[in-house]
Amino acid sequence: MAERIAPIQGISQVDRVQQVSRTGGAAAGQFGALLRQELGRTEPAISFSKHAQSRAAERGIQVDDTLMDQLADSVERAQAKGATNILAFDSTRAFIINVPHGRVITTMSQEEMEDNIFTNIDGAVLLR
């Protein structure tokens, strides 16, 4: 006499795994889209400490997109040379910047630069 074969128990679990995989595939696609969106966001390459912000305001130094681009470029050039704290300057203003953090520590106007000695820097970059 032939014995009856019992139904395979694992089939329903396979269906559930496939269903979760299909749903996970959509979630993975959403995750990928969110990841691409976040990677596309650009954090400012340079930021100002509170001290530097207040000094810039006191000294009438306009912080605009052009200046931010110049400072970011200075930081990139300083990183390439291995500098960690730089003086980035032009004829009218100067900025002490911590290169690894991309953070402006303080700012100075032309008048203040005349009699100052700059210490604790390992590089100087002319703003362009």
C-alpha atoms as a PDB file:
ATOM      1  CA  MET A   1       0.000   0.000   0.000  1.00  0.00           C
ATOM      2  CA  ALA A   2       1.282   3.445  -0.836  1.00  0.00           C
ATOM      3  CA  GLU A   3       1.818   5.929   1.929  1.00  0.00           C
ATOM      4  CA  ARG A   4       0.587   9.403   1.553  1.00  0.00           C
ATOM      5  CA  ILE A   5       3.198  12.033   1.288  1.00  0.00           C
ATOM      6  CA  ALA A   6       2.732  14.776   3.842  1.00  0.00           C
ATOM      7  CA  PRO A   7       2.661  18.349   2.510  1.00  0.00           C
ATOM      8  CA  ILE A   8       5.972  20.125   2.590  1.00  0.00           C
ATOM      9  CA  GLN A   9       5.985  22.530   5.507  1.00  0.00           C
ATOM     10  CA  GLY A  10       8.562  25.000   4.189  1.00  0.00           C
ATOM     11  CA  ILE A  11       6.621  26.169   1.148  1.00  0.00           C
ATOM     12  CA  SER A  12       4.562  28.790   2.961  1.00  0.00           C
ATOM     13  CA  GLN A  13       7.705  30.229   4.549  1.00  0.00           C
ATOM     14  CA  VAL A  14       9.347  30.494   1.133  1.00  0.00           C
ATOM     15  CA  ASP A  15       6.339  32.465  -0.084  1.00  0.00           C
ATOM     16  CA  ARG A  16       6.669  34.833   2.864  1.00  0.00           C
ATOM     17  CA  VAL A  17      10.405  35.295   2.259  1.00  0.00           C
ATOM     18  CA  GLN A  18       9.746  36.091  -1.391  1.00  0.00           C
ATOM     19  CA  GLN A  19       7.033  38.530  -0.424  1.00  0.00           C
ATOM     20  CA  VAL A  20       9.338  40.266   2.066  1.00  0.00           C
ATOM     21  CA  SER A  21      12.113  40.311  -0.535  1.00  0.00           C
ATOM     22  CA  ARG A  22       9.845  41.992  -3.033  1.00  0.00           C
ATOM     23  CA  THR A  23       8.799  44.575  -0.459  1.00  0.00           C
ATOM     24  CA  GLY A  24      12.408  44.967   0.681  1.00  0.00           C
ATOM     25  CA  GLY A  25      13.404  45.534  -2.922  1.00  0.00           C
ATOM     26  CA  ALA A  26      11.096  48.525  -3.046  1.00  0.00           C
ATOM     27  CA  ALA A  27      12.412  49.726   0.307  1.00  0.00           C
ATOM     28  CA  ALA A  28      15.968  49.228  -0.924  1.00  0.00           C
ATOM     29  CA  GLY A  29      15.115  51.340  -3.957  1.00  0.00           C
ATOM     30  CA  GLN A  30      13.731  54.043  -1.676  1.00  0.00           C
ATOM     31  CA  PHE A  31      16.803  53.783   0.516  1.00  0.00           C
ATOM     32  CA  GLY A  32      19.029  54.127  -2.541  1.00  0.00           C
ATOM     33  CA  ALA A  33      17.110  57.185  -3.666  1.00  0.00           C
ATOM     34  CA  LEU A  34      17.404  58.767  -0.204  1.00  0.00           C
ATOM     35  CA  LEU A  35      21.102  57.954  -0.062  1.00  0.00           C
ATOM     36  CA  ARG A  36      21.711  59.556  -3.455  1.00  0.00           C
ATOM     37  CA  GLN A  37      19.713  62.606  -2.334  1.00  0.00           C
ATOM     38  CA  GLU A  38      21.781  62.970   0.856  1.00  0.00           C
ATOM     39  CA  LEU A  39      25.041  62.479  -1.002  1.00  0.00           C
ATOM     40  CA  GLY A  40      23.954  65.152  -3.461  1.00  0.00           C
ATOM     41  CA  ARG A  41      23.536  67.649  -0.640  1.00  0.00           C
ATOM     42  CA  THR A  42      26.602  69.684  -0.167  1.00  0.00           C
ATOM     43  CA  GLU A  43      27.628  70.787   3.255  1.00  0.00           C
ATOM     44  CA  PRO A  44      29.457  74.058   3.315  1.00  0.00           C
ATOM     45  CA  ALA A  45      33.143  73.357   2.817  1.00  0.00           C
ATOM     46  CA  ILE A  46      33.934  76.110   5.288  1.00  0.00           C
ATOM     47  CA  SER A  47      32.159  77.409   8.366  1.00  0.00           C
ATOM     48  CA  PHE A  48      32.667  80.273  10.799  1.00  0.00           C
ATOM     49  CA  SER A  49      32.969  79.850  14.541  1.00  0.00           C
ATOM     50  CA  LYS A  50      30.726  82.094  16.633  1.00  0.00           C
ATOM     51  CA  HIS A  51      33.784  84.153  17.508  1.00  0.00           C
ATOM     52  CA  ALA A  52      34.692  84.588  13.827  1.00  0.00           C
ATOM     53  CA  GLN A  53      31.092  85.509  12.961  1.00  0.00           C
ATOM     54  CA  SER A  54      30.994  88.218  15.598  1.00  0.00           C
ATOM     55  CA  ARG A  55      34.452  89.529  14.602  1.00  0.00           C
ATOM     56  CA  ALA A  56      33.440  89.695  10.939  1.00  0.00           C
ATOM     57  CA  ALA A  57      30.314  91.647  11.857  1.00  0.00           C
ATOM     58  CA  GLU A  58      32.242  94.012  14.162  1.00  0.00           C
ATOM     59  CA  ARG A  59      34.890  94.639  11.545  1.00  0.00           C
ATOM     60  CA  GLY A  60      32.528  95.108   8.626  1.00  0.00           C
ATOM     61  CA  ILE A  61      33.771  92.069   6.717  1.00  0.00           C
ATOM     62  CA  GLN A  62      31.121  90.952   4.241  1.00  0.00           C
ATOM     63  CA  VAL A  63      30.757  87.180   4.161  1.00  0.00           C
ATOM     64  CA  ASP A  64      29.293  86.360   0.763  1.00  0.00           C
ATOM     65  CA  ASP A  65      29.378  83.396  -1.628  1.00  0.00           C
ATOM     66  CA  THR A  66      32.494  84.680  -3.373  1.00  0.00           C
ATOM     67  CA  LEU A  67      34.394  84.891  -0.097  1.00  0.00           C
ATOM     68  CA  MET A  68      33.176  81.457   0.968  1.00  0.00           C
ATOM     69  CA  ASP A  69      34.410  80.008  -2.345  1.00  0.00           C
ATOM     70  CA  GLN A  70      37.790  81.704  -1.882  1.00  0.00           C
ATOM     71  CA  LEU A  71      38.111  80.351   1.669  1.00  0.00           C
ATOM     72  CA  ALA A  72      37.077  76.850   0.590  1.00  0.00           C
ATOM     73  CA  ASP A  73      39.674  76.973  -2.198  1.00  0.00           C
ATOM     74  CA  SER A  74      42.304  78.084   0.331  1.00  0.00           C
ATOM     75  CA  VAL A  75      41.443  75.175   2.604  1.00  0.00           C
ATOM     76  CA  GLU A  76      41.699  72.698  -0.286  1.00  0.00           C
ATOM     77  CA  ARG A  77      45.094  74.055  -1.306  1.00  0.00           C
ATOM     78  CA  ALA A  78      46.306  73.969   2.306  1.00  0.00           C
ATOM     79  CA  GLN A  79      45.093  70.376   2.744  1.00  0.00           C
ATOM     80  CA  ALA A  80      47.076  69.357  -0.328  1.00  0.00           C
ATOM     81  CA  LYS A  81      50.217  70.711   1.377  1.00  0.00           C
ATOM     82  CA  GLY A  82      49.407  69.145   4.758  1.00  0.00           C
ATOM     83  CA  ALA A  83      48.764  72.385   6.643  1.00  0.00           C
ATOM     84  CA  THR A  84      46.505  72.337   9.683  1.00  0.00           C
ATOM     85  CA  ASN A  85      46.123  76.002  10.689  1.00  0.00           C
ATOM     86  CA  ILE A  86      46.465  78.670   8.039  1.00  0.00           C
ATOM     87  CA  LEU A  87      46.300  82.381   7.533  1.00  0.00           C
ATOM     88  CA  ALA A  88      44.200  83.073   4.427  1.00  0.00           C
ATOM     89  CA  PHE A  89      44.473  86.717   3.439  1.00  0.00           C
ATOM     90  CA  ASP A  90      44.256  89.397   0.799  1.00  0.00           C
ATOM     91  CA  SER A  91      45.031  93.121   0.953  1.00  0.00           C
ATOM     92  CA  THR A  92      41.978  94.035   3.051  1.00  0.00           C
ATOM     93  CA  ARG A  93      41.242  91.100   5.350  1.00  0.00           C
ATOM     94  CA  ALA A  94      42.696  87.996   6.966  1.00  0.00           C
ATOM     95  CA  PHE A  95      41.246  84.757   8.284  1.00  0.00           C
ATOM     96  CA  ILE A  96      42.765  82.170  10.602  1.00  0.00           C
ATOM     97  CA  ILE A  97      41.364  78.788   9.555  1.00  0.00           C
ATOM     98  CA  ASN A  98      41.582  75.338  11.105  1.00  0.00           C
ATOM     99  CA  VAL A  99      42.015  73.251   7.966  1.00  0.00           C
ATOM    100  CA  PRO A 100      40.954  69.758   9.174  1.00  0.00           C
ATOM    101  CA  HIS A 101      37.612  71.118  10.375  1.00  0.00           C
ATOM    102  CA  GLY A 102      37.238  73.756   7.649  1.00  0.00           C
ATOM    103  CA  ARG A 103      36.464  76.297  10.337  1.00  0.00           C
ATOM    104  CA  VAL A 104      37.328  79.991  10.362  1.00  0.00           C
ATOM    105  CA  ILE A 105      38.605  80.767  13.858  1.00  0.00           C
ATOM    106  CA  THR A 106      38.909  84.542  13.607  1.00  0.00           C
ATOM    107  CA  THR A 107      38.924  87.393  11.113  1.00  0.00           C
ATOM    108  CA  MET A 108      40.845  90.647  10.859  1.00  0.00           C
ATOM    109  CA  SER A 109      40.516  93.815   8.859  1.00  0.00           C
ATOM    110  CA  GLN A 110      43.382  95.601   7.105  1.00  0.00           C
ATOM    111  CA  GLU A 111      43.952  97.982  10.017  1.00  0.00           C
ATOM    112  CA  GLU A 112      44.302  95.114  12.490  1.00  0.00           C
ATOM    113  CA  MET A 113      46.719  93.213  10.265  1.00  0.00           C
ATOM    114  CA  GLU A 114      49.308  96.004  10.269  1.00  0.00           C
ATOM    115  CA  ASP A 115      50.673  95.448  13.765  1.00  0.00           C
ATOM    116  CA  ASN A 116      49.727  91.831  14.361  1.00  0.00           C
ATOM    117  CA  ILE A 117      51.967  88.829  14.589  1.00  0.00           C
ATOM    118  CA  PHE A 118      50.316  85.612  13.487  1.00  0.00           C
ATOM    119  CA  THR A 119      51.174  82.613  15.646  1.00  0.00           C
ATOM    120  CA  ASN A 120      50.124  78.973  15.736  1.00  0.00           C
ATOM    121  CA  ILE A 121      49.808  78.732  11.968  1.00  0.00           C
ATOM    122  CA  ASP A 122      51.719  76.401   9.700  1.00  0.00           C
ATOM    123  CA  GLY A 123      50.801  77.968   6.411  1.00  0.00           C
ATOM    124  CA  ALA A 124      49.648  81.105   4.659  1.00  0.00           C
ATOM    125  CA  VAL A 125      47.423  81.226   1.605  1.00  0.00           C
ATOM    126  CA  LEU A 126      46.773  84.255  -0.544  1.00  0.00           C
ATOM    127  CA  LEU A 127      43.053  84.535  -1.353  1.00  0.00           C
ATOM    128  CA  ARG A 128      42.308  84.485  -5.064  1.00  0.00           C
END
